[in-house]
Amino acid sequence: MMTGPYKRDYGGESVFAPGKRRRLNLVAICTNIFLPWLLFCGIYTQMTFTAHYLHPRAAKASVFVGLVFALIAGCMAYRQKQREFDPMWFTFSSLAFFVATILAGVFGNMNFVYNMEPYYSMESLNTYPSVNPAKEKGQALMDAGRAYFVEGAGLDAKKSIGFKNDDLYCVAPISYGADQLATYDFWAVGVNCCSGVSSDFRCGEYNNPHARAGLRLMRNDQRPFFRLAVQMAEAAYNIKSTHPLFFSWVQDPVAELNTYRDDGFKYYLWGILSYFVFNAVTVGCSTWGFSKIGAYGGY
């Protein structure tokens, strides 16, 4: 006769029987080390790489699937409790699945937004060689991902300016020759790399005499602030910009582009390794805690 909850494990024996040494549930321990990690890897992969770029809804649906796993484990823990079996490992699984899902969704999306999305987007755009800022118009290069400017083109730091909105959004026109252009449609940009009050643009490879190329800005959240900075430059220097395009000023756009890809893979691998260590330590601490109260049942 049972006199309280959690008196039996799967073998029907009393979990808290006095004087009886309980064995560790190795199945439950291994399951909780590897299953949440595999769930994390699956969601993290979907949220970081091509699937998110080509099928964003399907990638985000993987987060929902992870939450379903957490809910199922929670329901199984409740069922164990109703049957007066030990529910602790099922409860742990529910929490582990939930944490794995949230962390994979958040950090996978961050890695995608800051690294992989710019890489995929610029890879899908065109490359334009021999761009002359004095002759070309921004409207003709709206699909440019990489632009190589003609010899003699460079930054006109005297017409640079910054727009302050928490961060300082800095712009400088890409010009050609000493004469003022009819329209300045090509702009080098950067964040927090100018004073905002004087012509001291220090963004990208501004001091590299061999830099004469641009890598297109792909951050949609930053573009409106750079447009406002261009409007300030138009008013301050009495110039015109009809269709402004924003670039990072670099010598080798391909190498710069590959940096996004390399950083994305680096943070992906670090994320997988870090979560495995975190989850394994959590399981180890939980096993030690369960041993103190004699809760080895479940699974």
C-alpha atoms as a PDB file:
ATOM      1  CA  MET A   1       0.000   0.000   0.000  1.00  0.00           C
ATOM      2  CA  MET A   2       1.338   3.421  -1.018  1.00  0.00           C
ATOM      3  CA  THR A   3       1.057   6.255   1.463  1.00  0.00           C
ATOM      4  CA  GLY A   4       2.174   9.173  -0.718  1.00  0.00           C
ATOM      5  CA  PRO A   5       3.239  10.238  -4.225  1.00  0.00           C
ATOM      6  CA  TYR A   6       6.312   9.003  -6.051  1.00  0.00           C
ATOM      7  CA  LYS A   7       6.563   5.751  -4.086  1.00  0.00           C
ATOM      8  CA  ARG A   8       7.364   3.544  -7.077  1.00  0.00           C
ATOM      9  CA  ASP A   9       9.658   3.550 -10.059  1.00  0.00           C
ATOM     10  CA  TYR A  10       9.132   1.522 -13.245  1.00  0.00           C
ATOM     11  CA  GLY A  11       9.869  -1.687 -11.329  1.00  0.00           C
ATOM     12  CA  GLY A  12       7.141  -0.932  -8.810  1.00  0.00           C
ATOM     13  CA  GLU A  13       9.590  -0.549  -5.946  1.00  0.00           C
ATOM     14  CA  SER A  14       9.533   2.271  -3.433  1.00  0.00           C
ATOM     15  CA  VAL A  15      11.711   5.130  -4.621  1.00  0.00           C
ATOM     16  CA  PHE A  16      12.350   6.312  -1.104  1.00  0.00           C
ATOM     17  CA  ALA A  17      12.627   2.914   0.532  1.00  0.00           C
ATOM     18  CA  PRO A  18      14.852   3.381   3.616  1.00  0.00           C
ATOM     19  CA  GLY A  19      18.189   1.644   3.634  1.00  0.00           C
ATOM     20  CA  LYS A  20      18.008   0.723  -0.033  1.00  0.00           C
ATOM     21  CA  ARG A  21      20.663   1.991  -2.420  1.00  0.00           C
ATOM     22  CA  ARG A  22      19.256   3.152  -5.763  1.00  0.00           C
ATOM     23  CA  ARG A  23      21.094   2.870  -9.074  1.00  0.00           C
ATOM     24  CA  LEU A  24      21.605   5.789 -11.417  1.00  0.00           C
ATOM     25  CA  ASN A  25      19.262   5.789 -14.415  1.00  0.00           C
ATOM     26  CA  LEU A  26      21.899   5.848 -17.163  1.00  0.00           C
ATOM     27  CA  VAL A  27      19.257   5.789 -19.911  1.00  0.00           C
ATOM     28  CA  ALA A  28      17.662   8.979 -18.592  1.00  0.00           C
ATOM     29  CA  ILE A  29      21.049  10.642 -18.122  1.00  0.00           C
ATOM     30  CA  CYS A  30      22.288   9.867 -21.656  1.00  0.00           C
ATOM     31  CA  THR A  31      18.937  10.772 -23.173  1.00  0.00           C
ATOM     32  CA  ASN A  32      18.968  14.181 -21.506  1.00  0.00           C
ATOM     33  CA  ILE A  33      22.560  14.822 -22.557  1.00  0.00           C
ATOM     34  CA  PHE A  34      22.086  14.055 -26.242  1.00  0.00           C
ATOM     35  CA  LEU A  35      18.433  14.634 -27.210  1.00  0.00           C
ATOM     36  CA  PRO A  36      18.253  18.338 -26.189  1.00  0.00           C
ATOM     37  CA  TRP A  37      21.643  18.876 -27.874  1.00  0.00           C
ATOM     38  CA  LEU A  38      20.437  17.246 -31.101  1.00  0.00           C
ATOM     39  CA  LEU A  39      17.292  19.387 -30.960  1.00  0.00           C
ATOM     40  CA  PHE A  40      19.456  22.477 -30.461  1.00  0.00           C
ATOM     41  CA  CYS A  41      21.678  21.511 -33.430  1.00  0.00           C
ATOM     42  CA  GLY A  42      18.670  20.993 -35.705  1.00  0.00           C
ATOM     43  CA  ILE A  43      16.980  24.302 -34.891  1.00  0.00           C
ATOM     44  CA  TYR A  44      20.284  26.218 -34.817  1.00  0.00           C
ATOM     45  CA  THR A  45      21.129  24.906 -38.291  1.00  0.00           C
ATOM     46  CA  GLN A  46      17.723  25.811 -39.709  1.00  0.00           C
ATOM     47  CA  MET A  47      17.835  29.311 -38.237  1.00  0.00           C
ATOM     48  CA  THR A  48      21.421  30.045 -39.331  1.00  0.00           C
ATOM     49  CA  PHE A  49      21.879  28.836 -42.886  1.00  0.00           C
ATOM     50  CA  THR A  50      20.258  28.619 -46.314  1.00  0.00           C
ATOM     51  CA  ALA A  51      16.894  27.320 -45.091  1.00  0.00           C
ATOM     52  CA  HIS A  52      16.286  30.586 -43.231  1.00  0.00           C
ATOM     53  CA  TYR A  53      17.206  32.633 -46.300  1.00  0.00           C
ATOM     54  CA  LEU A  54      15.162  30.660 -48.838  1.00  0.00           C
ATOM     55  CA  HIS A  55      12.299  29.460 -46.623  1.00  0.00           C
ATOM     56  CA  PRO A  56      12.117  31.706 -43.535  1.00  0.00           C
ATOM     57  CA  ARG A  57       8.709  30.443 -42.428  1.00  0.00           C
ATOM     58  CA  ALA A  58       9.823  26.818 -42.526  1.00  0.00           C
ATOM     59  CA  ALA A  59      12.965  27.686 -40.546  1.00  0.00           C
ATOM     60  CA  LYS A  60      10.951  29.497 -37.894  1.00  0.00           C
ATOM     61  CA  ALA A  61       8.530  26.559 -37.774  1.00  0.00           C
ATOM     62  CA  SER A  62      11.422  24.465 -36.413  1.00  0.00           C
ATOM     63  CA  VAL A  63      11.229  26.573 -33.255  1.00  0.00           C
ATOM     64  CA  PHE A  64       7.571  25.618 -32.913  1.00  0.00           C
ATOM     65  CA  VAL A  65       8.516  21.937 -33.324  1.00  0.00           C
ATOM     66  CA  GLY A  66      11.013  22.287 -30.481  1.00  0.00           C
ATOM     67  CA  LEU A  67       8.344  23.774 -28.221  1.00  0.00           C
ATOM     68  CA  VAL A  68       6.078  20.830 -29.081  1.00  0.00           C
ATOM     69  CA  PHE A  69       8.803  18.432 -27.915  1.00  0.00           C
ATOM     70  CA  ALA A  70       9.035  20.358 -24.645  1.00  0.00           C
ATOM     71  CA  LEU A  71       5.251  20.177 -24.227  1.00  0.00           C
ATOM     72  CA  ILE A  72       5.183  16.422 -24.909  1.00  0.00           C
ATOM     73  CA  ALA A  73       7.881  15.814 -22.295  1.00  0.00           C
ATOM     74  CA  GLY A  74       5.917  17.963 -19.829  1.00  0.00           C
ATOM     75  CA  CYS A  75       2.765  15.930 -20.473  1.00  0.00           C
ATOM     76  CA  MET A  76       4.683  12.698 -19.886  1.00  0.00           C
ATOM     77  CA  ALA A  77       6.005  14.096 -16.599  1.00  0.00           C
ATOM     78  CA  TYR A  78       2.437  14.906 -15.551  1.00  0.00           C
ATOM     79  CA  ARG A  79       1.313  11.414 -16.527  1.00  0.00           C
ATOM     80  CA  GLN A  80       4.112   9.873 -14.458  1.00  0.00           C
ATOM     81  CA  LYS A  81       3.045  11.955 -11.498  1.00  0.00           C
ATOM     82  CA  GLN A  82      -0.591  10.868 -11.859  1.00  0.00           C
ATOM     83  CA  ARG A  83       0.513   7.218 -11.901  1.00  0.00           C
ATOM     84  CA  GLU A  84       2.634   7.865  -8.812  1.00  0.00           C
ATOM     85  CA  PHE A  85       5.879   7.209 -10.634  1.00  0.00           C
ATOM     86  CA  ASP A  86       8.896   9.468 -10.319  1.00  0.00           C
ATOM     87  CA  PRO A  87       8.508  12.321 -12.919  1.00  0.00           C
ATOM     88  CA  MET A  88      11.787  14.136 -12.299  1.00  0.00           C
ATOM     89  CA  TRP A  89      13.693  13.170 -15.453  1.00  0.00           C
ATOM     90  CA  PHE A  90      10.673  13.847 -17.657  1.00  0.00           C
ATOM     91  CA  THR A  91      10.339  17.242 -16.001  1.00  0.00           C
ATOM     92  CA  PHE A  92      14.014  17.885 -16.641  1.00  0.00           C
ATOM     93  CA  SER A  93      13.596  16.850 -20.292  1.00  0.00           C
ATOM     94  CA  SER A  94      10.740  19.303 -20.725  1.00  0.00           C
ATOM     95  CA  LEU A  95      12.833  22.161 -19.376  1.00  0.00           C
ATOM     96  CA  ALA A  96      15.898  21.083 -21.369  1.00  0.00           C
ATOM     97  CA  PHE A  97      13.930  20.955 -24.635  1.00  0.00           C
ATOM     98  CA  PHE A  98      12.438  24.373 -23.926  1.00  0.00           C
ATOM     99  CA  VAL A  99      15.831  25.954 -23.153  1.00  0.00           C
ATOM    100  CA  ALA A 100      17.446  24.308 -26.210  1.00  0.00           C
ATOM    101  CA  THR A 101      14.668  25.618 -28.454  1.00  0.00           C
ATOM    102  CA  ILE A 102      14.806  29.191 -27.179  1.00  0.00           C
ATOM    103  CA  LEU A 103      18.615  29.412 -27.269  1.00  0.00           C
ATOM    104  CA  ALA A 104      18.833  27.863 -30.745  1.00  0.00           C
ATOM    105  CA  GLY A 105      16.131  30.179 -32.087  1.00  0.00           C
ATOM    106  CA  VAL A 106      17.613  33.359 -30.611  1.00  0.00           C
ATOM    107  CA  PHE A 107      21.302  32.762 -31.344  1.00  0.00           C
ATOM    108  CA  GLY A 108      20.648  31.116 -34.703  1.00  0.00           C
ATOM    109  CA  ASN A 109      18.644  34.139 -35.805  1.00  0.00           C
ATOM    110  CA  MET A 110      21.378  36.508 -34.567  1.00  0.00           C
ATOM    111  CA  ASN A 111      24.032  34.599 -36.505  1.00  0.00           C
ATOM    112  CA  PHE A 112      21.835  34.686 -39.591  1.00  0.00           C
ATOM    113  CA  VAL A 113      21.067  38.419 -39.391  1.00  0.00           C
ATOM    114  CA  TYR A 114      24.629  39.582 -38.693  1.00  0.00           C
ATOM    115  CA  ASN A 115      26.599  37.113 -40.819  1.00  0.00           C
ATOM    116  CA  MET A 116      24.839  34.680 -43.128  1.00  0.00           C
ATOM    117  CA  GLU A 117      22.027  36.902 -44.446  1.00  0.00           C
ATOM    118  CA  PRO A 118      24.433  39.631 -45.671  1.00  0.00           C
ATOM    119  CA  TYR A 119      26.567  36.922 -47.271  1.00  0.00           C
ATOM    120  CA  TYR A 120      23.634  35.245 -49.074  1.00  0.00           C
ATOM    121  CA  SER A 121      22.162  38.590 -50.132  1.00  0.00           C
ATOM    122  CA  MET A 122      25.386  39.969 -51.586  1.00  0.00           C
ATOM    123  CA  GLU A 123      26.134  36.671 -53.317  1.00  0.00           C
ATOM    124  CA  SER A 124      22.831  37.003 -55.177  1.00  0.00           C
ATOM    125  CA  LEU A 125      23.610  40.550 -56.376  1.00  0.00           C
ATOM    126  CA  ASN A 126      25.727  41.637 -59.354  1.00  0.00           C
ATOM    127  CA  THR A 127      29.333  42.769 -59.537  1.00  0.00           C
ATOM    128  CA  TYR A 128      30.137  45.965 -61.447  1.00  0.00           C
ATOM    129  CA  PRO A 129      33.699  46.734 -62.615  1.00  0.00           C
ATOM    130  CA  SER A 130      35.103  50.118 -63.652  1.00  0.00           C
ATOM    131  CA  VAL A 131      32.392  52.265 -62.078  1.00  0.00           C
ATOM    132  CA  ASN A 132      32.976  55.976 -62.633  1.00  0.00           C
ATOM    133  CA  PRO A 133      31.131  58.025 -59.980  1.00  0.00           C
ATOM    134  CA  ALA A 134      31.164  61.050 -62.286  1.00  0.00           C
ATOM    135  CA  LYS A 135      29.307  59.223 -65.042  1.00  0.00           C
ATOM    136  CA  GLU A 136      27.324  56.392 -63.471  1.00  0.00           C
ATOM    137  CA  LYS A 137      24.035  56.927 -61.659  1.00  0.00           C
ATOM    138  CA  GLY A 138      22.837  55.004 -58.639  1.00  0.00           C
ATOM    139  CA  GLN A 139      19.611  54.021 -60.366  1.00  0.00           C
ATOM    140  CA  ALA A 140      21.586  51.997 -62.945  1.00  0.00           C
ATOM    141  CA  LEU A 141      23.393  50.002 -60.236  1.00  0.00           C
ATOM    142  CA  MET A 142      20.521  49.247 -57.859  1.00  0.00           C
ATOM    143  CA  ASP A 143      21.366  45.524 -58.005  1.00  0.00           C
ATOM    144  CA  ALA A 144      25.068  46.024 -57.235  1.00  0.00           C
ATOM    145  CA  GLY A 145      26.537  43.886 -54.469  1.00  0.00           C
ATOM    146  CA  ARG A 146      30.173  44.660 -55.229  1.00  0.00           C
ATOM    147  CA  ALA A 147      31.469  47.687 -57.132  1.00  0.00           C
ATOM    148  CA  TYR A 148      35.000  48.295 -58.374  1.00  0.00           C
ATOM    149  CA  PHE A 149      35.604  51.973 -59.071  1.00  0.00           C
ATOM    150  CA  VAL A 150      37.871  53.374 -61.766  1.00  0.00           C
ATOM    151  CA  GLU A 151      41.356  54.622 -61.018  1.00  0.00           C
ATOM    152  CA  GLY A 152      41.130  58.159 -59.751  1.00  0.00           C
ATOM    153  CA  ALA A 153      37.952  57.545 -57.753  1.00  0.00           C
ATOM    154  CA  GLY A 154      38.161  57.979 -54.003  1.00  0.00           C
ATOM    155  CA  LEU A 155      36.537  59.267 -50.859  1.00  0.00           C
ATOM    156  CA  ASP A 156      35.758  62.964 -50.553  1.00  0.00           C
ATOM    157  CA  ALA A 157      36.290  63.271 -46.799  1.00  0.00           C
ATOM    158  CA  LYS A 158      35.665  67.026 -46.937  1.00  0.00           C
ATOM    159  CA  LYS A 159      31.994  66.296 -47.638  1.00  0.00           C
ATOM    160  CA  SER A 160      31.589  63.605 -44.971  1.00  0.00           C
ATOM    161  CA  ILE A 161      29.088  63.949 -42.168  1.00  0.00           C
ATOM    162  CA  GLY A 162      27.439  61.901 -39.424  1.00  0.00           C
ATOM    163  CA  PHE A 163      23.879  61.446 -38.221  1.00  0.00           C
ATOM    164  CA  LYS A 164      23.413  60.714 -34.507  1.00  0.00           C
ATOM    165  CA  ASN A 165      20.762  58.267 -33.342  1.00  0.00           C
ATOM    166  CA  ASP A 166      22.215  56.360 -30.385  1.00  0.00           C
ATOM    167  CA  ASP A 167      24.982  55.286 -32.795  1.00  0.00           C
ATOM    168  CA  LEU A 168      26.714  57.701 -35.165  1.00  0.00           C
ATOM    169  CA  TYR A 169      25.988  56.896 -38.821  1.00  0.00           C
ATOM    170  CA  CYS A 170      28.829  58.237 -40.941  1.00  0.00           C
ATOM    171  CA  VAL A 171      28.820  58.861 -44.709  1.00  0.00           C
ATOM    172  CA  ALA A 172      31.319  60.169 -47.245  1.00  0.00           C
ATOM    173  CA  PRO A 173      30.699  60.513 -50.993  1.00  0.00           C
ATOM    174  CA  ILE A 174      32.735  58.458 -53.448  1.00  0.00           C
ATOM    175  CA  SER A 175      33.917  61.048 -55.943  1.00  0.00           C
ATOM    176  CA  TYR A 176      36.114  61.386 -59.014  1.00  0.00           C
ATOM    177  CA  GLY A 177      38.482  64.244 -59.649  1.00  0.00           C
ATOM    178  CA  ALA A 178      38.535  67.620 -57.926  1.00  0.00           C
ATOM    179  CA  ASP A 179      35.404  69.112 -59.490  1.00  0.00           C
ATOM    180  CA  GLN A 180      31.997  68.863 -57.837  1.00  0.00           C
ATOM    181  CA  LEU A 181      29.814  66.176 -59.405  1.00  0.00           C
ATOM    182  CA  ALA A 182      26.313  66.725 -60.708  1.00  0.00           C
ATOM    183  CA  THR A 183      25.051  64.031 -58.362  1.00  0.00           C
ATOM    184  CA  TYR A 184      26.680  61.977 -55.626  1.00  0.00           C
ATOM    185  CA  ASP A 185      24.990  58.583 -55.711  1.00  0.00           C
ATOM    186  CA  PHE A 186      27.790  56.419 -54.286  1.00  0.00           C
ATOM    187  CA  TRP A 187      28.573  56.695 -50.584  1.00  0.00           C
ATOM    188  CA  ALA A 188      31.011  54.998 -48.259  1.00  0.00           C
ATOM    189  CA  VAL A 189      29.445  54.379 -44.869  1.00  0.00           C
ATOM    190  CA  GLY A 190      30.250  53.177 -41.377  1.00  0.00           C
ATOM    191  CA  VAL A 191      29.000  53.313 -37.812  1.00  0.00           C
ATOM    192  CA  ASN A 192      30.753  55.233 -35.008  1.00  0.00           C
ATOM    193  CA  CYS A 193      33.808  56.032 -37.140  1.00  0.00           C
ATOM    194  CA  CYS A 194      33.564  59.825 -37.440  1.00  0.00           C
ATOM    195  CA  SER A 195      33.087  62.731 -35.052  1.00  0.00           C
ATOM    196  CA  GLY A 196      29.890  63.933 -36.677  1.00  0.00           C
ATOM    197  CA  VAL A 197      30.897  67.572 -36.396  1.00  0.00           C
ATOM    198  CA  SER A 198      33.860  67.760 -38.769  1.00  0.00           C
ATOM    199  CA  SER A 199      35.039  66.116 -41.975  1.00  0.00           C
ATOM    200  CA  ASP A 200      36.959  63.218 -40.421  1.00  0.00           C
ATOM    201  CA  PHE A 201      35.580  60.080 -42.022  1.00  0.00           C
ATOM    202  CA  ARG A 202      37.491  57.037 -40.648  1.00  0.00           C
ATOM    203  CA  CYS A 203      35.350  54.117 -41.793  1.00  0.00           C
ATOM    204  CA  GLY A 204      36.406  50.981 -43.611  1.00  0.00           C
ATOM    205  CA  GLU A 205      39.790  51.123 -45.322  1.00  0.00           C
ATOM    206  CA  TYR A 206      39.695  54.911 -45.605  1.00  0.00           C
ATOM    207  CA  ASN A 207      43.487  55.197 -45.206  1.00  0.00           C
ATOM    208  CA  ASN A 208      44.388  52.400 -47.629  1.00  0.00           C
ATOM    209  CA  PRO A 209      45.664  53.953 -50.890  1.00  0.00           C
ATOM    210  CA  HIS A 210      44.893  50.697 -52.720  1.00  0.00           C
ATOM    211  CA  ALA A 211      41.236  50.618 -51.620  1.00  0.00           C
ATOM    212  CA  ARG A 212      39.008  51.472 -54.550  1.00  0.00           C
ATOM    213  CA  ALA A 213      36.011  49.156 -54.203  1.00  0.00           C
ATOM    214  CA  GLY A 214      32.777  48.907 -52.292  1.00  0.00           C
ATOM    215  CA  LEU A 215      30.784  46.128 -50.651  1.00  0.00           C
ATOM    216  CA  ARG A 216      27.078  46.937 -50.553  1.00  0.00           C
ATOM    217  CA  LEU A 217      25.405  47.682 -47.233  1.00  0.00           C
ATOM    218  CA  MET A 218      22.765  44.986 -46.577  1.00  0.00           C
ATOM    219  CA  ARG A 219      21.521  45.991 -43.116  1.00  0.00           C
ATOM    220  CA  ASN A 220      17.957  47.217 -43.692  1.00  0.00           C
ATOM    221  CA  ASP A 221      17.740  48.571 -40.156  1.00  0.00           C
ATOM    222  CA  GLN A 222      20.695  50.923 -40.777  1.00  0.00           C
ATOM    223  CA  ARG A 223      19.787  52.166 -44.250  1.00  0.00           C
ATOM    224  CA  PRO A 224      17.221  54.836 -43.142  1.00  0.00           C
ATOM    225  CA  PHE A 225      19.800  56.467 -40.856  1.00  0.00           C
ATOM    226  CA  PHE A 226      22.407  56.605 -43.611  1.00  0.00           C
ATOM    227  CA  ARG A 227      19.795  58.213 -45.877  1.00  0.00           C
ATOM    228  CA  LEU A 228      19.234  60.890 -43.244  1.00  0.00           C
ATOM    229  CA  ALA A 229      22.998  61.435 -43.063  1.00  0.00           C
ATOM    230  CA  VAL A 230      23.099  61.901 -46.848  1.00  0.00           C
ATOM    231  CA  GLN A 231      20.282  64.433 -46.622  1.00  0.00           C
ATOM    232  CA  MET A 232      22.316  66.314 -44.018  1.00  0.00           C
ATOM    233  CA  ALA A 233      25.317  66.286 -46.367  1.00  0.00           C
ATOM    234  CA  GLU A 234      23.171  67.608 -49.232  1.00  0.00           C
ATOM    235  CA  ALA A 235      22.039  70.535 -47.090  1.00  0.00           C
ATOM    236  CA  ALA A 236      25.473  71.210 -45.559  1.00  0.00           C
ATOM    237  CA  TYR A 237      27.558  71.057 -48.747  1.00  0.00           C
ATOM    238  CA  ASN A 238      24.961  72.093 -51.349  1.00  0.00           C
ATOM    239  CA  ILE A 239      25.235  68.845 -53.281  1.00  0.00           C
ATOM    240  CA  LYS A 240      22.663  66.476 -54.769  1.00  0.00           C
ATOM    241  CA  SER A 241      22.135  62.736 -54.320  1.00  0.00           C
ATOM    242  CA  THR A 242      19.295  61.295 -56.402  1.00  0.00           C
ATOM    243  CA  HIS A 243      19.618  57.553 -55.770  1.00  0.00           C
ATOM    244  CA  PRO A 244      22.181  57.031 -52.997  1.00  0.00           C
ATOM    245  CA  LEU A 245      23.821  53.604 -52.736  1.00  0.00           C
ATOM    246  CA  PHE A 246      25.783  52.677 -49.619  1.00  0.00           C
ATOM    247  CA  PHE A 247      29.039  50.689 -49.560  1.00  0.00           C
ATOM    248  CA  SER A 248      31.757  49.649 -47.165  1.00  0.00           C
ATOM    249  CA  TRP A 249      34.997  51.061 -48.599  1.00  0.00           C
ATOM    250  CA  VAL A 250      37.463  48.182 -49.042  1.00  0.00           C
ATOM    251  CA  GLN A 251      40.303  46.988 -51.250  1.00  0.00           C
ATOM    252  CA  ASP A 252      39.043  43.424 -51.780  1.00  0.00           C
ATOM    253  CA  PRO A 253      35.241  43.021 -51.606  1.00  0.00           C
ATOM    254  CA  VAL A 254      35.448  39.249 -52.136  1.00  0.00           C
ATOM    255  CA  ALA A 255      37.678  38.754 -49.097  1.00  0.00           C
ATOM    256  CA  GLU A 256      35.415  41.026 -47.065  1.00  0.00           C
ATOM    257  CA  LEU A 257      32.348  39.102 -48.209  1.00  0.00           C
ATOM    258  CA  ASN A 258      33.918  35.767 -47.272  1.00  0.00           C
ATOM    259  CA  THR A 259      34.514  37.153 -43.785  1.00  0.00           C
ATOM    260  CA  TYR A 260      30.746  37.128 -43.225  1.00  0.00           C
ATOM    261  CA  ARG A 261      30.586  33.464 -44.237  1.00  0.00           C
ATOM    262  CA  ASP A 262      33.597  32.477 -42.126  1.00  0.00           C
ATOM    263  CA  ASP A 263      32.256  34.290 -39.067  1.00  0.00           C
ATOM    264  CA  GLY A 264      28.882  32.601 -39.542  1.00  0.00           C
ATOM    265  CA  PHE A 265      30.432  29.116 -39.542  1.00  0.00           C
ATOM    266  CA  LYS A 266      32.705  30.002 -36.640  1.00  0.00           C
ATOM    267  CA  TYR A 267      29.835  31.148 -34.424  1.00  0.00           C
ATOM    268  CA  TYR A 268      27.774  28.145 -35.537  1.00  0.00           C
ATOM    269  CA  LEU A 269      30.456  25.688 -34.379  1.00  0.00           C
ATOM    270  CA  TRP A 270      31.038  27.607 -31.157  1.00  0.00           C
ATOM    271  CA  GLY A 271      27.309  27.549 -30.478  1.00  0.00           C
ATOM    272  CA  ILE A 272      27.029  23.795 -30.920  1.00  0.00           C
ATOM    273  CA  LEU A 273      30.051  23.108 -28.706  1.00  0.00           C
ATOM    274  CA  SER A 274      29.030  25.619 -26.034  1.00  0.00           C
ATOM    275  CA  TYR A 275      25.514  24.246 -25.747  1.00  0.00           C
ATOM    276  CA  PHE A 276      26.743  20.650 -25.478  1.00  0.00           C
ATOM    277  CA  VAL A 277      29.027  21.604 -22.588  1.00  0.00           C
ATOM    278  CA  PHE A 278      26.285  23.681 -20.942  1.00  0.00           C
ATOM    279  CA  ASN A 279      23.713  20.890 -21.220  1.00  0.00           C
ATOM    280  CA  ALA A 280      26.135  18.174 -20.053  1.00  0.00           C
ATOM    281  CA  VAL A 281      27.056  20.220 -16.975  1.00  0.00           C
ATOM    282  CA  THR A 282      23.373  20.848 -16.265  1.00  0.00           C
ATOM    283  CA  VAL A 283      22.591  17.121 -16.501  1.00  0.00           C
ATOM    284  CA  GLY A 284      25.519  16.345 -14.228  1.00  0.00           C
ATOM    285  CA  CYS A 285      24.370  18.846 -11.609  1.00  0.00           C
ATOM    286  CA  SER A 286      20.801  17.546 -11.842  1.00  0.00           C
ATOM    287  CA  THR A 287      21.984  13.945 -11.424  1.00  0.00           C
ATOM    288  CA  TRP A 288      23.861  14.933  -8.297  1.00  0.00           C
ATOM    289  CA  GLY A 289      20.803  16.784  -7.002  1.00  0.00           C
ATOM    290  CA  PHE A 290      18.449  13.892  -7.737  1.00  0.00           C
ATOM    291  CA  SER A 291      20.822  11.519  -5.956  1.00  0.00           C
ATOM    292  CA  LYS A 292      20.457  13.569  -2.802  1.00  0.00           C
ATOM    293  CA  ILE A 293      16.709  13.012  -2.743  1.00  0.00           C
ATOM    294  CA  GLY A 294      16.775   9.480  -4.126  1.00  0.00           C
ATOM    295  CA  ALA A 295      14.964  10.325  -7.368  1.00  0.00           C
ATOM    296  CA  TYR A 296      16.374   7.924  -9.962  1.00  0.00           C
ATOM    297  CA  GLY A 297      13.137   6.862 -11.580  1.00  0.00           C
ATOM    298  CA  GLY A 298      11.603   7.766 -14.929  1.00  0.00           C
ATOM    299  CA  TYR A 299      12.287   6.686 -18.476  1.00  0.00           C
END
